[in-house]
PDB file of N, CA and C in Angstrom:
ATOM      1  N   MET A   1     -64.140  -8.145 104.105  1.00  0.00           N
ATOM      2  CA  MET A   1     -65.141  -8.175 105.190  1.00  0.00           C
ATOM      3  C   MET A   1     -66.484  -8.995 104.191  1.00  0.00           C
ATOM      4  N   GLY A   2     -67.215 -10.115 105.253  1.00  0.00           N
ATOM      5  CA  GLY A   2     -68.053 -10.945 104.723  1.00  0.00           C
ATOM      6  C   GLY A   2     -69.505 -10.394 104.150  1.00  0.00           C
ATOM      7  N   VAL A   3     -70.288 -11.165 104.115  1.00  0.00           N
ATOM      8  CA  VAL A   3     -71.452 -10.824 103.190  1.00  0.00           C
ATOM      9  C   VAL A   3     -72.525  -9.731 104.180  1.00  0.00           C
ATOM     10  N   ILE A   4     -73.042  -8.616 103.323  1.00  0.00           N
ATOM     11  CA  ILE A   4     -73.930  -7.633 104.019  1.00  0.00           C
ATOM     12  C   ILE A   4     -74.775  -8.075 104.444  1.00  0.00           C
ATOM     13  N   THR A   5     -75.510  -7.839 105.464  1.00  0.00           N
ATOM     14  CA  THR A   5     -77.198  -8.067 105.914  1.00  0.00           C
ATOM     15  C   THR A   5     -77.558  -6.933 106.210  1.00  0.00           C
ATOM     16  N   THR A   6     -78.966  -7.146 106.693  1.00  0.00           N
ATOM     17  CA  THR A   6     -79.538  -6.242 107.088  1.00  0.00           C
ATOM     18  C   THR A   6     -80.153  -6.951 108.246  1.00  0.00           C
ATOM     19  N   VAL A   7     -80.189  -5.644 109.496  1.00  0.00           N
ATOM     20  CA  VAL A   7     -80.851  -5.756 111.040  1.00  0.00           C
ATOM     21  C   VAL A   7     -81.690  -4.615 111.149  1.00  0.00           C
ATOM     22  N   GLN A   8     -82.658  -5.090 111.363  1.00  0.00           N
ATOM     23  CA  GLN A   8     -83.988  -4.242 111.641  1.00  0.00           C
ATOM     24  C   GLN A   8     -83.902  -3.982 113.484  1.00  0.00           C
ATOM     25  N   LEU A   9     -83.498  -2.331 113.220  1.00  0.00           N
ATOM     26  CA  LEU A   9     -83.741  -1.519 114.720  1.00  0.00           C
ATOM     27  C   LEU A   9     -84.399  -0.864 114.801  1.00  0.00           C
ATOM     28  N   SER A  10     -85.178  -0.728 115.984  1.00  0.00           N
ATOM     29  CA  SER A  10     -85.923   0.524 116.353  1.00  0.00           C
ATOM     30  C   SER A  10     -85.131   1.888 116.435  1.00  0.00           C
ATOM     31  N   SER A  11     -85.548   3.214 116.036  1.00  0.00           N
ATOM     32  CA  SER A  11     -85.029   3.749 115.759  1.00  0.00           C
ATOM     33  C   SER A  11     -84.528   4.622 117.180  1.00  0.00           C
ATOM     34  N   GLU A  12     -84.790   4.350 118.044  1.00  0.00           N
ATOM     35  CA  GLU A  12     -84.289   4.424 119.495  1.00  0.00           C
ATOM     36  C   GLU A  12     -83.321   3.617 120.047  1.00  0.00           C
ATOM     37  N   THR A  13     -83.085   2.382 119.943  1.00  0.00           N
ATOM     38  CA  THR A  13     -82.081   1.550 119.548  1.00  0.00           C
ATOM     39  C   THR A  13     -80.940   2.056 118.577  1.00  0.00           C
ATOM     40  N   ARG A  14     -81.435   2.378 117.531  1.00  0.00           N
ATOM     41  CA  ARG A  14     -79.916   2.851 116.546  1.00  0.00           C
ATOM     42  C   ARG A  14     -79.548   4.292 117.083  1.00  0.00           C
ATOM     43  N   ASP A  15     -80.451   5.094 117.829  1.00  0.00           N
ATOM     44  CA  ASP A  15     -80.057   6.357 118.602  1.00  0.00           C
ATOM     45  C   ASP A  15     -78.598   6.006 119.593  1.00  0.00           C
ATOM     46  N   ARG A  16     -79.494   4.812 120.489  1.00  0.00           N
ATOM     47  CA  ARG A  16     -78.444   4.206 121.714  1.00  0.00           C
ATOM     48  C   ARG A  16     -77.270   3.974 120.943  1.00  0.00           C
ATOM     49  N   LEU A  17     -77.254   3.184 119.927  1.00  0.00           N
ATOM     50  CA  LEU A  17     -75.977   2.354 119.493  1.00  0.00           C
ATOM     51  C   LEU A  17     -75.398   3.701 118.982  1.00  0.00           C
ATOM     52  N   SER A  18     -75.633   4.821 118.267  1.00  0.00           N
ATOM     53  CA  SER A  18     -74.924   5.814 117.650  1.00  0.00           C
ATOM     54  C   SER A  18     -74.228   6.625 118.810  1.00  0.00           C
ATOM     55  N   GLN A  19     -74.487   6.691 120.115  1.00  0.00           N
ATOM     56  CA  GLN A  19     -73.870   7.432 121.336  1.00  0.00           C
ATOM     57  C   GLN A  19     -72.875   6.818 121.565  1.00  0.00           C
ATOM     58  N   LEU A  20     -72.719   5.333 121.310  1.00  0.00           N
ATOM     59  CA  LEU A  20     -71.489   4.889 121.983  1.00  0.00           C
ATOM     60  C   LEU A  20     -70.520   4.374 121.172  1.00  0.00           C
ATOM     61  N   LYS A  21     -70.718   5.128 119.533  1.00  0.00           N
ATOM     62  CA  LYS A  21     -69.702   5.252 118.011  1.00  0.00           C
ATOM     63  C   LYS A  21     -68.948   5.898 119.046  1.00  0.00           C
ATOM     64  N   GLN A  22     -67.552   5.714 118.645  1.00  0.00           N
ATOM     65  CA  GLN A  22     -66.085   6.374 118.958  1.00  0.00           C
ATOM     66  C   GLN A  22     -65.882   7.136 118.094  1.00  0.00           C
ATOM     67  N   SER A  23     -66.534   7.562 116.571  1.00  0.00           N
ATOM     68  CA  SER A  23     -66.599   8.522 115.928  1.00  0.00           C
ATOM     69  C   SER A  23     -67.890   8.272 114.984  1.00  0.00           C
ATOM     70  N   PRO A  24     -68.177   9.374 114.324  1.00  0.00           N
ATOM     71  CA  PRO A  24     -69.340   9.311 113.110  1.00  0.00           C
ATOM     72  C   PRO A  24     -69.101   7.927 112.113  1.00  0.00           C
ATOM     73  N   ARG A  25     -67.384   8.379 111.793  1.00  0.00           N
ATOM     74  CA  ARG A  25     -67.100   6.772 110.878  1.00  0.00           C
ATOM     75  C   ARG A  25     -67.179   6.022 111.028  1.00  0.00           C
ATOM     76  N   GLU A  26     -67.083   4.877 112.311  1.00  0.00           N
ATOM     77  CA  GLU A  26     -67.385   3.878 113.252  1.00  0.00           C
ATOM     78  C   GLU A  26     -68.506   2.968 112.608  1.00  0.00           C
ATOM     79  N   THR A  27     -68.859   1.902 111.612  1.00  0.00           N
ATOM     80  CA  THR A  27     -69.946   1.398 111.527  1.00  0.00           C
ATOM     81  C   THR A  27     -70.357   0.775 112.507  1.00  0.00           C
ATOM     82  N   TYR A  28     -71.607   0.352 112.551  1.00  0.00           N
ATOM     83  CA  TYR A  28     -72.416   0.145 113.381  1.00  0.00           C
ATOM     84  C   TYR A  28     -72.143  -1.961 113.818  1.00  0.00           C
ATOM     85  N   ASP A  29     -71.362  -2.223 112.642  1.00  0.00           N
ATOM     86  CA  ASP A  29     -70.855  -3.554 112.670  1.00  0.00           C
ATOM     87  C   ASP A  29     -69.572  -3.597 113.642  1.00  0.00           C
ATOM     88  N   GLU A  30     -68.508  -2.720 113.718  1.00  0.00           N
ATOM     89  CA  GLU A  30     -67.643  -2.432 114.190  1.00  0.00           C
ATOM     90  C   GLU A  30     -67.886  -2.414 115.855  1.00  0.00           C
ATOM     91  N   LEU A  31     -69.233  -1.442 115.769  1.00  0.00           N
ATOM     92  CA  LEU A  31     -69.403  -0.911 117.450  1.00  0.00           C
ATOM     93  C   LEU A  31     -70.115  -2.200 117.881  1.00  0.00           C
ATOM     94  N   LEU A  32     -70.971  -3.204 117.241  1.00  0.00           N
ATOM     95  CA  LEU A  32     -71.619  -4.219 117.598  1.00  0.00           C
ATOM     96  C   LEU A  32     -70.488  -5.201 117.890  1.00  0.00           C
ATOM     97  N   ASN A  33     -69.982  -5.262 117.438  1.00  0.00           N
ATOM     98  CA  ASN A  33     -68.842  -6.542 117.176  1.00  0.00           C
ATOM     99  C   ASN A  33     -67.948  -5.999 118.904  1.00  0.00           C
ATOM    100  N   LYS A  34     -67.637  -4.728 119.209  1.00  0.00           N
ATOM    101  CA  LYS A  34     -66.691  -4.293 120.092  1.00  0.00           C
ATOM    102  C   LYS A  34     -67.762  -4.862 121.315  1.00  0.00           C
ATOM    103  N   LEU A  35     -69.328  -4.655 120.987  1.00  0.00           N
ATOM    104  CA  LEU A  35     -69.974  -4.927 122.297  1.00  0.00           C
ATOM    105  C   LEU A  35     -70.376  -6.525 122.445  1.00  0.00           C
ATOM    106  N   LEU A  36     -69.811  -7.390 121.452  1.00  0.00           N
ATOM    107  CA  LEU A  36     -69.937  -8.651 121.769  1.00  0.00           C
ATOM    108  C   LEU A  36     -68.862  -9.535 122.038  1.00  0.00           C
ATOM    109  N   ASP A  37     -67.475  -8.439 122.426  1.00  0.00           N
ATOM    110  CA  ASP A  37     -66.485  -8.801 122.448  1.00  0.00           C
ATOM    111  C   ASP A  37     -66.396  -8.505 123.936  1.00  0.00           C
ATOM    112  N   LEU A  38     -66.969  -7.680 124.929  1.00  0.00           N
ATOM    113  CA  LEU A  38     -67.543  -7.582 126.095  1.00  0.00           C
ATOM    114  C   LEU A  38     -67.931  -8.873 126.834  1.00  0.00           C
ATOM    115  N   LEU A  39     -68.466  -9.812 126.201  1.00  0.00           N
ATOM    116  CA  LEU A  39     -68.802 -10.941 126.815  1.00  0.00           C
ATOM    117  C   LEU A  39     -67.410 -12.313 126.496  1.00  0.00           C
ATOM    118  N   PRO A  40     -66.984 -12.552 127.602  1.00  0.00           N
ATOM    119  CA  PRO A  40     -65.681 -13.402 127.370  1.00  0.00           C
ATOM    120  C   PRO A  40     -65.779 -14.795 126.505  1.00  0.00           C
ATOM    121  N   SER A  41     -65.066 -14.952 125.865  1.00  0.00           N
ATOM    122  CA  SER A  41     -65.228 -16.060 124.740  1.00  0.00           C
ATOM    123  C   SER A  41     -64.968 -17.729 125.828  1.00  0.00           C
ATOM    124  N   GLY A  42     -64.323 -17.704 126.243  1.00  0.00           N
ATOM    125  CA  GLY A  42     -63.732 -18.693 127.184  1.00  0.00           C
ATOM    126  C   GLY A  42     -62.863 -18.203 128.657  1.00  0.00           C
ATOM    127  N   ASP A  43     -62.320 -19.120 128.841  1.00  0.00           N
ATOM    128  CA  ASP A  43     -61.480 -19.121 130.278  1.00  0.00           C
ATOM    129  C   ASP A  43     -59.968 -20.256 130.007  1.00  0.00           C
ATOM    130  N   GLU A  44     -59.149 -20.353 131.216  1.00  0.00           N
ATOM    131  CA  GLU A  44     -58.168 -21.387 131.319  1.00  0.00           C
ATOM    132  C   GLU A  44     -58.525 -22.146 130.922  1.00  0.00           C
ATOM    133  N   GLU A  45     -60.121 -23.243 130.767  1.00  0.00           N
ATOM    134  CA  GLU A  45     -60.400 -24.268 130.720  1.00  0.00           C
ATOM    135  C   GLU A  45     -60.876 -24.843 129.478  1.00  0.00           C
ATOM    136  N   GLY A  46     -61.253 -23.390 128.602  1.00  0.00           N
ATOM    137  CA  GLY A  46     -61.794 -23.568 127.148  1.00  0.00           C
ATOM    138  C   GLY A  46     -62.591 -22.400 126.700  1.00  0.00           C
ATOM    139  N   VAL A  47     -62.951 -23.152 125.582  1.00  0.00           N
ATOM    140  CA  VAL A  47     -63.862 -21.917 124.701  1.00  0.00           C
ATOM    141  C   VAL A  47     -65.462 -22.312 125.448  1.00  0.00           C
ATOM    142  N   TYR A  48     -66.206 -21.151 125.579  1.00  0.00           N
ATOM    143  CA  TYR A  48     -67.433 -21.238 126.419  1.00  0.00           C
ATOM    144  C   TYR A  48     -68.199 -21.584 125.260  1.00  0.00           C
ATOM    145  N   ARG A  49     -69.423 -22.687 125.531  1.00  0.00           N
ATOM    146  CA  ARG A  49     -70.488 -23.030 124.131  1.00  0.00           C
ATOM    147  C   ARG A  49     -71.491 -21.679 124.072  1.00  0.00           C
ATOM    148  N   ALA A  50     -71.980 -21.427 123.012  1.00  0.00           N
ATOM    149  CA  ALA A  50     -72.994 -20.451 122.412  1.00  0.00           C
ATOM    150  C   ALA A  50     -74.216 -20.459 123.731  1.00  0.00           C
ATOM    151  N   ALA A  51     -74.535 -21.347 124.237  1.00  0.00           N
ATOM    152  CA  ALA A  51     -75.670 -21.374 125.392  1.00  0.00           C
ATOM    153  C   ALA A  51     -75.286 -20.986 126.895  1.00  0.00           C
ATOM    154  N   PHE A  52     -73.724 -21.166 127.081  1.00  0.00           N
ATOM    155  CA  PHE A  52     -73.229 -20.816 128.106  1.00  0.00           C
ATOM    156  C   PHE A  52     -72.865 -19.243 128.085  1.00  0.00           C
ATOM    157  N   ARG A  53     -72.614 -18.702 127.174  1.00  0.00           N
ATOM    158  CA  ARG A  53     -72.225 -17.136 126.870  1.00  0.00           C
ATOM    159  C   ARG A  53     -73.763 -16.367 126.979  1.00  0.00           C
ATOM    160  N   VAL A  54     -74.706 -17.162 126.166  1.00  0.00           N
ATOM    161  CA  VAL A  54     -76.098 -16.355 126.687  1.00  0.00           C
ATOM    162  C   VAL A  54     -76.676 -16.266 127.777  1.00  0.00           C
ATOM    163  N   GLY A  55     -76.274 -17.315 129.014  1.00  0.00           N
ATOM    164  CA  GLY A  55     -76.716 -17.430 130.369  1.00  0.00           C
ATOM    165  C   GLY A  55     -76.195 -16.586 130.790  1.00  0.00           C
ATOM    166  N   LEU A  56     -74.685 -16.156 130.598  1.00  0.00           N
ATOM    167  CA  LEU A  56     -73.817 -15.561 131.208  1.00  0.00           C
ATOM    168  C   LEU A  56     -74.349 -14.009 131.187  1.00  0.00           C
ATOM    169  N   LEU A  57     -74.922 -13.921 129.602  1.00  0.00           N
ATOM    170  CA  LEU A  57     -75.601 -12.572 129.529  1.00  0.00           C
ATOM    171  C   LEU A  57     -76.793 -11.728 130.606  1.00  0.00           C
ATOM    172  N   ASN A  58     -77.707 -12.985 130.259  1.00  0.00           N
ATOM    173  CA  ASN A  58     -78.612 -13.152 130.938  1.00  0.00           C
ATOM    174  C   ASN A  58     -78.779 -12.833 132.548  1.00  0.00           C
ATOM    175  N   SER A  59     -77.353 -13.461 132.562  1.00  0.00           N
ATOM    176  CA  SER A  59     -77.112 -13.213 134.434  1.00  0.00           C
ATOM    177  C   SER A  59     -76.482 -11.722 134.410  1.00  0.00           C
ATOM    178  N   ARG A  60     -76.230 -11.068 133.966  1.00  0.00           N
ATOM    179  CA  ARG A  60     -75.940  -9.635 134.017  1.00  0.00           C
ATOM    180  C   ARG A  60     -76.612  -8.891 133.891  1.00  0.00           C
ATOM    181  N   LEU A  61     -77.446  -9.535 132.861  1.00  0.00           N
ATOM    182  CA  LEU A  61     -79.130  -8.351 132.905  1.00  0.00           C
ATOM    183  C   LEU A  61     -79.874  -8.440 134.046  1.00  0.00           C
ATOM    184  N   ASP A  62     -79.647  -9.884 134.479  1.00  0.00           N
ATOM    185  CA  ASP A  62     -80.467 -10.078 135.635  1.00  0.00           C
ATOM    186  C   ASP A  62     -79.796  -9.389 137.290  1.00  0.00           C
ATOM    187  N   LEU A  63     -78.841  -9.386 137.282  1.00  0.00           N
ATOM    188  CA  LEU A  63     -78.294  -8.774 138.398  1.00  0.00           C
ATOM    189  C   LEU A  63     -78.115  -7.063 138.016  1.00  0.00           C
ATOM    190  N   ARG A  64     -78.233  -6.613 137.354  1.00  0.00           N
ATOM    191  CA  ARG A  64     -78.666  -4.862 136.525  1.00  0.00           C
ATOM    192  C   ARG A  64     -80.376  -4.810 136.959  1.00  0.00           C
ATOM    193  N   ALA A  65     -81.132  -6.177 136.750  1.00  0.00           N
ATOM    194  CA  ALA A  65     -81.984  -5.322 136.990  1.00  0.00           C
ATOM    195  C   ALA A  65     -82.378  -5.685 138.592  1.00  0.00           C
ATOM    196  N   GLY A  66     -82.040  -6.041 139.137  1.00  0.00           N
ATOM    197  CA  GLY A  66     -82.529  -6.341 140.494  1.00  0.00           C
ATOM    198  C   GLY A  66     -83.034  -7.892 140.570  1.00  0.00           C
ATOM    199  N   ARG A  67     -83.041  -8.757 139.599  1.00  0.00           N
ATOM    200  CA  ARG A  67     -83.586  -9.669 139.911  1.00  0.00           C
ATOM    201  C   ARG A  67     -82.722 -10.963 140.558  1.00  0.00           C
ATOM    202  N   THR A  68     -82.009 -10.574 141.709  1.00  0.00           N
ATOM    203  CA  THR A  68     -81.468 -11.737 142.582  1.00  0.00           C
ATOM    204  C   THR A  68     -82.148 -11.943 143.957  1.00  0.00           C
ATOM    205  N   VAL A  69     -81.101 -12.916 144.501  1.00  0.00           N
ATOM    206  CA  VAL A  69     -81.725 -13.033 145.981  1.00  0.00           C
ATOM    207  C   VAL A  69     -80.757 -13.430 146.614  1.00  0.00           C
ATOM    208  N   ALA A  70     -80.583 -12.570 147.940  1.00  0.00           N
ATOM    209  CA  ALA A  70     -79.642 -13.070 148.775  1.00  0.00           C
ATOM    210  C   ALA A  70     -79.241 -13.867 149.291  1.00  0.00           C
ATOM    211  N   HIS A  71     -77.886 -14.366 149.433  1.00  0.00           N
ATOM    212  CA  HIS A  71     -77.634 -15.416 150.182  1.00  0.00           C
ATOM    213  C   HIS A  71     -78.421 -15.773 151.173  1.00  0.00           C
ATOM    214  N   ARG A  72     -78.432 -15.276 151.972  1.00  0.00           N
ATOM    215  CA  ARG A  72     -79.006 -15.668 153.194  1.00  0.00           C
ATOM    216  C   ARG A  72     -80.577 -15.585 152.849  1.00  0.00           C
ATOM    217  N   GLU A  73     -80.958 -15.146 152.310  1.00  0.00           N
ATOM    218  CA  GLU A  73     -82.489 -15.185 151.985  1.00  0.00           C
ATOM    219  C   GLU A  73     -82.703 -16.787 151.447  1.00  0.00           C
ATOM    220  N   LEU A  74     -82.011 -17.043 150.412  1.00  0.00           N
ATOM    221  CA  LEU A  74     -81.852 -18.324 149.611  1.00  0.00           C
ATOM    222  C   LEU A  74     -82.050 -19.532 150.715  1.00  0.00           C
ATOM    223  N   LYS A  75     -81.031 -19.180 151.344  1.00  0.00           N
ATOM    224  CA  LYS A  75     -80.921 -19.967 153.128  1.00  0.00           C
ATOM    225  C   LYS A  75     -81.894 -20.138 153.703  1.00  0.00           C
ATOM    226  N   ARG A  76     -82.957 -19.201 154.078  1.00  0.00           N
ATOM    227  CA  ARG A  76     -83.763 -19.250 154.646  1.00  0.00           C
ATOM    228  C   ARG A  76     -84.967 -19.957 153.938  1.00  0.00           C
ATOM    229  N   ARG A  77     -85.307 -19.551 152.531  1.00  0.00           N
ATOM    230  CA  ARG A  77     -86.560 -20.241 151.746  1.00  0.00           C
ATOM    231  C   ARG A  77     -85.834 -21.899 151.632  1.00  0.00           C
ATOM    232  N   LEU A  78     -84.744 -22.402 151.655  1.00  0.00           N
ATOM    233  CA  LEU A  78     -84.390 -23.454 151.641  1.00  0.00           C
ATOM    234  C   LEU A  78     -84.110 -24.546 152.681  1.00  0.00           C
ATOM    235  N   ASN A  79     -84.582 -23.587 153.832  1.00  0.00           N
ATOM    236  CA  ASN A  79     -84.583 -24.441 155.479  1.00  0.00           C
ATOM    237  C   ASN A  79     -83.241 -24.778 155.389  1.00  0.00           C
ATOM    238  N   LEU A  80     -82.170 -23.890 155.076  1.00  0.00           N
ATOM    239  CA  LEU A  80     -80.961 -24.480 155.212  1.00  0.00           C
ATOM    240  C   LEU A  80     -80.189 -24.010 156.330  1.00  0.00           C
TER     241      LEU A  80
END
């Protein structure tokens, strides 16, 4: 294992993460790495840059929060 560091979390965030653990012995490092693995690192065209992966995550959060515009609505707004 590499260098150990401290990450500051609110107790609410720690509790939410704790609920995702497979077992009480699973470390937060293991859990966070599993969560990070949910974001694809690339595709058949190559490895994604970090900025693209951040954008992908933000896009998924926007979808989840309902911050989207239907295709028809977008066409209407753009007069297409």
